[in-house]
Amino acid sequence: MHVFISDAHIRTDKSYRCQMLVKFLHDIRHRLTSLYILGDLFEFWFEYNLVFPKDYFAALAALYNLIQDGKHVHYILGNHEVTIGRFLNNFGFTVHRGPKIFEIEGMRVLLEHGNKIDRRLWTSLWENLLTSRINHALYRLLHPDLGIFLAQGIAYLSRKQHRSERLENLLENYALRRLANVDVVILGHSHHPVLKEYPGHKYYINTGDWVNHFSYVMIGAGEITLNYYK
């Protein structure tokens, strides 16, 4: 069984969505072959040389247990993963930048977070702010307690932008173009769960989120399903 999730935006281990995600990972572990995280697992990920946020420990521990059980965990970077160093790879994740095509149960499946498709003003400003090397250098001068507090606040404002029909159309149109060369396109970013089948057994799917929907995609036994964890 292959499972796809995105957009948990975890801020603390004590949050309801983190507790739900940890419980979900525990429940599926015996049936799981591979887990694919399509970005924005955490509200903000900025990799320091020697520290990482202690409030992310429960989610990381649950994922580490899966990896130790021999499960494959793929991490497709989103727009809330600001800097990535060696930590996640050393931890056992397989980290991917940009769109990535996987062969899954005889299908070509394209995975991408979706932020590169989103050309709305706020998203473009957010991306320019976070990809600036000068900003990275200045940010590292802050104490991590202060830096993470400020960054999570800004990330929260980014996430609280209203649901956008324009964004959903951009993602679906992008998927339709890519379906010329693949069988399935799975995206995140919009926080809106979608499963659409097109002629020729082609699929566009959006994983939704673990903020409001607790949704996930599953591929297994010849079926593709969009599910909600209760």
C-alpha atoms as a PDB file:
ATOM      1  CA  MET A   1       0.000   0.000   0.000  1.00  0.00           C
ATOM      2  CA  HIS A   2       1.290   3.433  -0.988  1.00  0.00           C
ATOM      3  CA  VAL A   3       0.052   6.452   0.973  1.00  0.00           C
ATOM      4  CA  PHE A   4       0.295  10.140   0.040  1.00  0.00           C
ATOM      5  CA  ILE A   5      -0.181  13.079   2.427  1.00  0.00           C
ATOM      6  CA  SER A   6       0.637  16.782   2.459  1.00  0.00           C
ATOM      7  CA  ASP A   7       0.114  20.063   4.248  1.00  0.00           C
ATOM      8  CA  ALA A   8       0.005  19.064   7.904  1.00  0.00           C
ATOM      9  CA  HIS A   9       1.672  22.358   8.867  1.00  0.00           C
ATOM     10  CA  ILE A  10       2.619  20.996  12.278  1.00  0.00           C
ATOM     11  CA  ARG A  11       3.527  23.690  14.796  1.00  0.00           C
ATOM     12  CA  THR A  12       3.711  21.672  18.025  1.00  0.00           C
ATOM     13  CA  ASP A  13       3.547  18.036  19.092  1.00  0.00           C
ATOM     14  CA  LYS A  14       0.526  18.876  21.253  1.00  0.00           C
ATOM     15  CA  SER A  15      -1.590  20.100  18.344  1.00  0.00           C
ATOM     16  CA  TYR A  16      -4.608  18.041  17.370  1.00  0.00           C
ATOM     17  CA  ARG A  17      -3.414  17.583  13.795  1.00  0.00           C
ATOM     18  CA  CYS A  18      -0.030  16.292  14.957  1.00  0.00           C
ATOM     19  CA  GLN A  19      -1.645  13.819  17.334  1.00  0.00           C
ATOM     20  CA  MET A  20      -3.996  12.671  14.574  1.00  0.00           C
ATOM     21  CA  LEU A  21      -1.129  12.232  12.123  1.00  0.00           C
ATOM     22  CA  VAL A  22       0.953  10.233  14.605  1.00  0.00           C
ATOM     23  CA  LYS A  23      -2.033   7.975  15.325  1.00  0.00           C
ATOM     24  CA  PHE A  24      -2.680   7.561  11.599  1.00  0.00           C
ATOM     25  CA  LEU A  25       0.924   6.543  10.913  1.00  0.00           C
ATOM     26  CA  HIS A  26       0.697   4.005  13.732  1.00  0.00           C
ATOM     27  CA  ASP A  27      -2.547   2.571  12.346  1.00  0.00           C
ATOM     28  CA  ILE A  28      -1.258   2.068   8.778  1.00  0.00           C
ATOM     29  CA  ARG A  29       2.262   0.881   9.548  1.00  0.00           C
ATOM     30  CA  HIS A  30       1.601  -2.848   9.036  1.00  0.00           C
ATOM     31  CA  ARG A  31       0.009  -2.349   5.594  1.00  0.00           C
ATOM     32  CA  LEU A  32       2.304   0.407   4.380  1.00  0.00           C
ATOM     33  CA  THR A  33       4.917  -0.063   1.664  1.00  0.00           C
ATOM     34  CA  SER A  34       5.845   3.561   0.978  1.00  0.00           C
ATOM     35  CA  LEU A  35       4.796   6.932   2.366  1.00  0.00           C
ATOM     36  CA  TYR A  36       5.000  10.033   0.172  1.00  0.00           C
ATOM     37  CA  ILE A  37       4.911  13.441   1.882  1.00  0.00           C
ATOM     38  CA  LEU A  38       4.084  16.126  -0.685  1.00  0.00           C
ATOM     39  CA  GLY A  39       5.463  19.070   1.236  1.00  0.00           C
ATOM     40  CA  ASP A  40       4.616  21.361   4.141  1.00  0.00           C
ATOM     41  CA  LEU A  41       4.664  18.665   6.791  1.00  0.00           C
ATOM     42  CA  PHE A  42       5.731  21.363   9.246  1.00  0.00           C
ATOM     43  CA  GLU A  43       4.630  24.975   9.457  1.00  0.00           C
ATOM     44  CA  PHE A  44       8.225  26.018   8.942  1.00  0.00           C
ATOM     45  CA  TRP A  45      11.404  24.027   8.356  1.00  0.00           C
ATOM     46  CA  PHE A  46      14.697  25.883   8.529  1.00  0.00           C
ATOM     47  CA  GLU A  47      17.652  23.588   9.013  1.00  0.00           C
ATOM     48  CA  TYR A  48      20.313  24.743  11.428  1.00  0.00           C
ATOM     49  CA  ASN A  49      23.657  22.987  11.802  1.00  0.00           C
ATOM     50  CA  LEU A  50      23.090  21.725  15.351  1.00  0.00           C
ATOM     51  CA  VAL A  51      19.442  22.226  16.348  1.00  0.00           C
ATOM     52  CA  PHE A  52      15.917  21.478  15.156  1.00  0.00           C
ATOM     53  CA  PRO A  53      12.573  22.471  16.730  1.00  0.00           C
ATOM     54  CA  LYS A  54      11.784  20.239  19.715  1.00  0.00           C
ATOM     55  CA  ASP A  55       8.053  20.659  19.012  1.00  0.00           C
ATOM     56  CA  TYR A  56       8.469  18.537  15.882  1.00  0.00           C
ATOM     57  CA  PHE A  57       9.782  15.539  17.789  1.00  0.00           C
ATOM     58  CA  ALA A  58       6.594  13.416  17.919  1.00  0.00           C
ATOM     59  CA  ALA A  59       6.004  13.549  14.157  1.00  0.00           C
ATOM     60  CA  LEU A  60       9.655  12.889  13.369  1.00  0.00           C
ATOM     61  CA  ALA A  61       9.742   9.980  15.833  1.00  0.00           C
ATOM     62  CA  ALA A  62       6.655   8.396  14.245  1.00  0.00           C
ATOM     63  CA  LEU A  63       8.235   8.691  10.804  1.00  0.00           C
ATOM     64  CA  TYR A  64      11.564   7.369  12.071  1.00  0.00           C
ATOM     65  CA  ASN A  65       9.781   4.288  13.439  1.00  0.00           C
ATOM     66  CA  LEU A  66       8.335   3.639   9.985  1.00  0.00           C
ATOM     67  CA  ILE A  67      11.771   3.935   8.423  1.00  0.00           C
ATOM     68  CA  GLN A  68      13.215   1.555  11.015  1.00  0.00           C
ATOM     69  CA  ASP A  69      10.462  -0.917  10.098  1.00  0.00           C
ATOM     70  CA  GLY A  70      11.758  -0.871   6.526  1.00  0.00           C
ATOM     71  CA  LYS A  71       9.153   1.476   5.059  1.00  0.00           C
ATOM     72  CA  HIS A  72      10.193   3.962   2.387  1.00  0.00           C
ATOM     73  CA  VAL A  73       9.444   7.600   3.229  1.00  0.00           C
ATOM     74  CA  HIS A  74       9.750  10.065   0.347  1.00  0.00           C
ATOM     75  CA  TYR A  75       9.647  13.799   1.052  1.00  0.00           C
ATOM     76  CA  ILE A  76       8.703  16.103  -1.848  1.00  0.00           C
ATOM     77  CA  LEU A  77       9.670  19.606  -0.748  1.00  0.00           C
ATOM     78  CA  GLY A  78       7.015  22.317  -0.510  1.00  0.00           C
ATOM     79  CA  ASN A  79       7.142  26.054   0.087  1.00  0.00           C
ATOM     80  CA  HIS A  80       7.339  25.805   3.887  1.00  0.00           C
ATOM     81  CA  GLU A  81      10.578  23.813   3.692  1.00  0.00           C
ATOM     82  CA  VAL A  82      12.868  26.818   3.576  1.00  0.00           C
ATOM     83  CA  THR A  83      16.334  25.306   3.870  1.00  0.00           C
ATOM     84  CA  ILE A  84      17.202  21.627   3.616  1.00  0.00           C
ATOM     85  CA  GLY A  85      20.580  20.300   4.656  1.00  0.00           C
ATOM     86  CA  ARG A  86      21.699  16.795   5.564  1.00  0.00           C
ATOM     87  CA  PHE A  87      19.361  16.190   8.499  1.00  0.00           C
ATOM     88  CA  LEU A  88      16.338  14.751   6.692  1.00  0.00           C
ATOM     89  CA  ASN A  89      18.469  12.530   4.445  1.00  0.00           C
ATOM     90  CA  ASN A  90      20.521  11.321   7.399  1.00  0.00           C
ATOM     91  CA  PHE A  91      17.271  10.746   9.259  1.00  0.00           C
ATOM     92  CA  GLY A  92      16.212   8.280   6.571  1.00  0.00           C
ATOM     93  CA  PHE A  93      13.935  10.304   4.306  1.00  0.00           C
ATOM     94  CA  THR A  94      14.480  10.284   0.574  1.00  0.00           C
ATOM     95  CA  VAL A  95      14.213  13.994  -0.255  1.00  0.00           C
ATOM     96  CA  HIS A  96      13.156  15.265  -3.688  1.00  0.00           C
ATOM     97  CA  ARG A  97      13.034  18.779  -5.116  1.00  0.00           C
ATOM     98  CA  GLY A  98      10.484  19.708  -7.740  1.00  0.00           C
ATOM     99  CA  PRO A  99       8.300  17.263  -9.689  1.00  0.00           C
ATOM    100  CA  LYS A 100       9.247  13.607  -9.445  1.00  0.00           C
ATOM    101  CA  ILE A 101       7.857  10.650 -11.388  1.00  0.00           C
ATOM    102  CA  PHE A 102       7.538   7.272  -9.680  1.00  0.00           C
ATOM    103  CA  GLU A 103       6.559   3.881 -11.057  1.00  0.00           C
ATOM    104  CA  ILE A 104       3.833   2.666  -8.690  1.00  0.00           C
ATOM    105  CA  GLU A 105       1.839  -0.494  -9.384  1.00  0.00           C
ATOM    106  CA  GLY A 106       2.488  -0.251 -13.109  1.00  0.00           C
ATOM    107  CA  MET A 107       1.527   3.435 -13.329  1.00  0.00           C
ATOM    108  CA  ARG A 108       3.609   6.520 -13.930  1.00  0.00           C
ATOM    109  CA  VAL A 109       2.773   8.806 -11.020  1.00  0.00           C
ATOM    110  CA  LEU A 110       3.962  12.411 -10.958  1.00  0.00           C
ATOM    111  CA  LEU A 111       4.281  13.990  -7.512  1.00  0.00           C
ATOM    112  CA  GLU A 112       4.730  17.693  -6.800  1.00  0.00           C
ATOM    113  CA  HIS A 113       3.742  20.019  -3.984  1.00  0.00           C
ATOM    114  CA  GLY A 114       2.239  22.651  -6.272  1.00  0.00           C
ATOM    115  CA  ASN A 115       3.731  25.920  -5.042  1.00  0.00           C
ATOM    116  CA  LYS A 116       5.745  26.366  -8.254  1.00  0.00           C
ATOM    117  CA  ILE A 117       2.470  26.314 -10.181  1.00  0.00           C
ATOM    118  CA  ASP A 118       0.923  28.946  -7.915  1.00  0.00           C
ATOM    119  CA  ARG A 119       1.682  32.377  -9.367  1.00  0.00           C
ATOM    120  CA  ARG A 120      -0.553  34.428  -7.056  1.00  0.00           C
ATOM    121  CA  LEU A 121       1.040  37.577  -5.639  1.00  0.00           C
ATOM    122  CA  TRP A 122       1.309  36.447  -2.032  1.00  0.00           C
ATOM    123  CA  THR A 123       2.883  33.123  -2.996  1.00  0.00           C
ATOM    124  CA  SER A 124       5.427  34.838  -5.238  1.00  0.00           C
ATOM    125  CA  LEU A 125       6.372  37.282  -2.480  1.00  0.00           C
ATOM    126  CA  TRP A 126       6.638  34.451   0.033  1.00  0.00           C
ATOM    127  CA  GLU A 127       8.860  32.429  -2.301  1.00  0.00           C
ATOM    128  CA  ASN A 128      11.172  35.372  -3.044  1.00  0.00           C
ATOM    129  CA  LEU A 129      11.475  36.130   0.666  1.00  0.00           C
ATOM    130  CA  LEU A 130      12.347  32.555   1.587  1.00  0.00           C
ATOM    131  CA  THR A 131      14.725  31.741  -1.252  1.00  0.00           C
ATOM    132  CA  SER A 132      16.955  34.772  -0.735  1.00  0.00           C
ATOM    133  CA  ARG A 133      20.435  33.765   0.434  1.00  0.00           C
ATOM    134  CA  ILE A 134      20.847  37.173   2.060  1.00  0.00           C
ATOM    135  CA  ASN A 135      17.685  36.602   4.085  1.00  0.00           C
ATOM    136  CA  HIS A 136      18.923  33.140   5.069  1.00  0.00           C
ATOM    137  CA  ALA A 137      22.205  34.609   6.311  1.00  0.00           C
ATOM    138  CA  LEU A 138      20.439  37.338   8.284  1.00  0.00           C
ATOM    139  CA  TYR A 139      17.963  34.863   9.740  1.00  0.00           C
ATOM    140  CA  ARG A 140      20.775  32.660  11.036  1.00  0.00           C
ATOM    141  CA  LEU A 141      21.938  35.592  13.181  1.00  0.00           C
ATOM    142  CA  LEU A 142      18.769  35.287  15.266  1.00  0.00           C
ATOM    143  CA  HIS A 143      18.539  32.924  18.213  1.00  0.00           C
ATOM    144  CA  PRO A 144      16.586  29.829  17.049  1.00  0.00           C
ATOM    145  CA  ASP A 145      13.865  30.390  19.676  1.00  0.00           C
ATOM    146  CA  LEU A 146      13.168  33.849  18.285  1.00  0.00           C
ATOM    147  CA  GLY A 147      13.731  32.895  14.660  1.00  0.00           C
ATOM    148  CA  ILE A 148      11.345  29.949  14.702  1.00  0.00           C
ATOM    149  CA  PHE A 149       8.697  31.944  16.596  1.00  0.00           C
ATOM    150  CA  LEU A 150       8.791  34.749  14.021  1.00  0.00           C
ATOM    151  CA  ALA A 151       8.931  32.403  11.040  1.00  0.00           C
ATOM    152  CA  GLN A 152       5.994  30.314  12.213  1.00  0.00           C
ATOM    153  CA  GLY A 153       3.949  33.490  12.568  1.00  0.00           C
ATOM    154  CA  ILE A 154       4.720  34.551   9.002  1.00  0.00           C
ATOM    155  CA  ALA A 155       4.115  31.013   7.739  1.00  0.00           C
ATOM    156  CA  TYR A 156       0.755  30.989   9.502  1.00  0.00           C
ATOM    157  CA  LEU A 157      -0.274  34.179   7.697  1.00  0.00           C
ATOM    158  CA  SER A 158       0.761  32.580   4.409  1.00  0.00           C
ATOM    159  CA  ARG A 159      -1.358  29.517   5.121  1.00  0.00           C
ATOM    160  CA  LYS A 160      -4.410  31.551   6.164  1.00  0.00           C
ATOM    161  CA  GLN A 161      -4.936  32.989   2.689  1.00  0.00           C
ATOM    162  CA  HIS A 162      -8.495  32.319   1.558  1.00  0.00           C
ATOM    163  CA  ARG A 163      -9.280  29.280  -0.528  1.00  0.00           C
ATOM    164  CA  SER A 164      -8.701  30.220  -4.143  1.00  0.00           C
ATOM    165  CA  GLU A 165     -10.705  28.866  -7.057  1.00  0.00           C
ATOM    166  CA  ARG A 166      -8.039  30.342  -9.319  1.00  0.00           C
ATOM    167  CA  LEU A 167      -5.355  28.252  -7.590  1.00  0.00           C
ATOM    168  CA  GLU A 168      -7.438  25.109  -7.899  1.00  0.00           C
ATOM    169  CA  ASN A 169      -7.875  25.765 -11.620  1.00  0.00           C
ATOM    170  CA  LEU A 170      -4.140  26.388 -12.038  1.00  0.00           C
ATOM    171  CA  LEU A 171      -3.330  23.070 -10.369  1.00  0.00           C
ATOM    172  CA  GLU A 172      -5.887  21.093 -12.345  1.00  0.00           C
ATOM    173  CA  ASN A 173      -4.846  22.635 -15.678  1.00  0.00           C
ATOM    174  CA  TYR A 174      -1.214  21.851 -14.902  1.00  0.00           C
ATOM    175  CA  ALA A 175      -2.166  18.266 -14.079  1.00  0.00           C
ATOM    176  CA  LEU A 176      -4.089  17.920 -17.348  1.00  0.00           C
ATOM    177  CA  ARG A 177      -1.023  19.008 -19.311  1.00  0.00           C
ATOM    178  CA  ARG A 178       1.234  16.562 -17.488  1.00  0.00           C
ATOM    179  CA  LEU A 179      -1.238  13.687 -17.932  1.00  0.00           C
ATOM    180  CA  ALA A 180      -0.165  13.533 -21.560  1.00  0.00           C
ATOM    181  CA  ASN A 181       2.958  11.719 -20.359  1.00  0.00           C
ATOM    182  CA  VAL A 182       1.947  10.117 -17.042  1.00  0.00           C
ATOM    183  CA  ASP A 183      -1.018   8.194 -15.655  1.00  0.00           C
ATOM    184  CA  VAL A 184      -1.538  10.001 -12.369  1.00  0.00           C
ATOM    185  CA  VAL A 185      -0.704  13.490 -11.107  1.00  0.00           C
ATOM    186  CA  ILE A 186      -0.837  14.034  -7.340  1.00  0.00           C
ATOM    187  CA  LEU A 187      -0.419  17.549  -5.932  1.00  0.00           C
ATOM    188  CA  GLY A 188      -0.900  19.327  -2.610  1.00  0.00           C
ATOM    189  CA  HIS A 189      -0.667  23.027  -1.689  1.00  0.00           C
ATOM    190  CA  SER A 190      -4.319  24.029  -2.170  1.00  0.00           C
ATOM    191  CA  HIS A 191      -5.514  22.230   1.003  1.00  0.00           C
ATOM    192  CA  HIS A 192      -8.556  21.136  -1.013  1.00  0.00           C
ATOM    193  CA  PRO A 193      -8.958  17.356  -1.538  1.00  0.00           C
ATOM    194  CA  VAL A 194      -9.671  16.366  -5.150  1.00  0.00           C
ATOM    195  CA  LEU A 195      -9.892  13.107  -7.080  1.00  0.00           C
ATOM    196  CA  LYS A 196     -10.832  13.331 -10.759  1.00  0.00           C
ATOM    197  CA  GLU A 197     -10.665  10.566 -13.333  1.00  0.00           C
ATOM    198  CA  TYR A 198     -10.306  11.351 -17.036  1.00  0.00           C
ATOM    199  CA  PRO A 199     -10.614   9.133 -20.130  1.00  0.00           C
ATOM    200  CA  GLY A 200      -7.909   6.524 -20.469  1.00  0.00           C
ATOM    201  CA  HIS A 201      -7.777   5.898 -16.705  1.00  0.00           C
ATOM    202  CA  LYS A 202      -5.914   9.136 -16.064  1.00  0.00           C
ATOM    203  CA  TYR A 203      -6.180  10.788 -12.645  1.00  0.00           C
ATOM    204  CA  TYR A 204      -5.641  14.179 -11.092  1.00  0.00           C
ATOM    205  CA  ILE A 205      -5.578  14.052  -7.294  1.00  0.00           C
ATOM    206  CA  ASN A 206      -4.962  16.625  -4.609  1.00  0.00           C
ATOM    207  CA  THR A 207      -4.103  15.246  -1.192  1.00  0.00           C
ATOM    208  CA  GLY A 208      -5.909  18.029   0.685  1.00  0.00           C
ATOM    209  CA  ASP A 209      -4.461  18.650   4.149  1.00  0.00           C
ATOM    210  CA  TRP A 210      -4.134  17.623   7.792  1.00  0.00           C
ATOM    211  CA  VAL A 211      -5.332  21.005   9.037  1.00  0.00           C
ATOM    212  CA  ASN A 212      -9.049  20.710   8.296  1.00  0.00           C
ATOM    213  CA  HIS A 213      -9.659  17.588   6.190  1.00  0.00           C
ATOM    214  CA  PHE A 214      -7.236  14.929   7.505  1.00  0.00           C
ATOM    215  CA  SER A 215      -7.215  13.534   3.981  1.00  0.00           C
ATOM    216  CA  TYR A 216      -4.850  11.129   2.289  1.00  0.00           C
ATOM    217  CA  VAL A 217      -4.506   9.236  -0.976  1.00  0.00           C
ATOM    218  CA  MET A 218      -3.971   5.507  -1.156  1.00  0.00           C
ATOM    219  CA  ILE A 219      -2.809   3.352  -4.061  1.00  0.00           C
ATOM    220  CA  GLY A 220      -2.983  -0.384  -3.568  1.00  0.00           C
ATOM    221  CA  ALA A 221      -4.546  -3.566  -4.918  1.00  0.00           C
ATOM    222  CA  GLY A 222      -5.248  -1.843  -8.231  1.00  0.00           C
ATOM    223  CA  GLU A 223      -7.270   0.971  -6.660  1.00  0.00           C
ATOM    224  CA  ILE A 224      -6.715   4.705  -6.194  1.00  0.00           C
ATOM    225  CA  THR A 225      -8.734   6.257  -3.385  1.00  0.00           C
ATOM    226  CA  LEU A 226      -9.043   9.587  -1.604  1.00  0.00           C
ATOM    227  CA  ASN A 227      -9.705   8.981   2.073  1.00  0.00           C
ATOM    228  CA  TYR A 228     -10.401  10.877   5.278  1.00  0.00           C
ATOM    229  CA  TYR A 229      -8.998   9.815   8.628  1.00  0.00           C
ATOM    230  CA  LYS A 230     -11.510   9.990  11.453  1.00  0.00           C
END
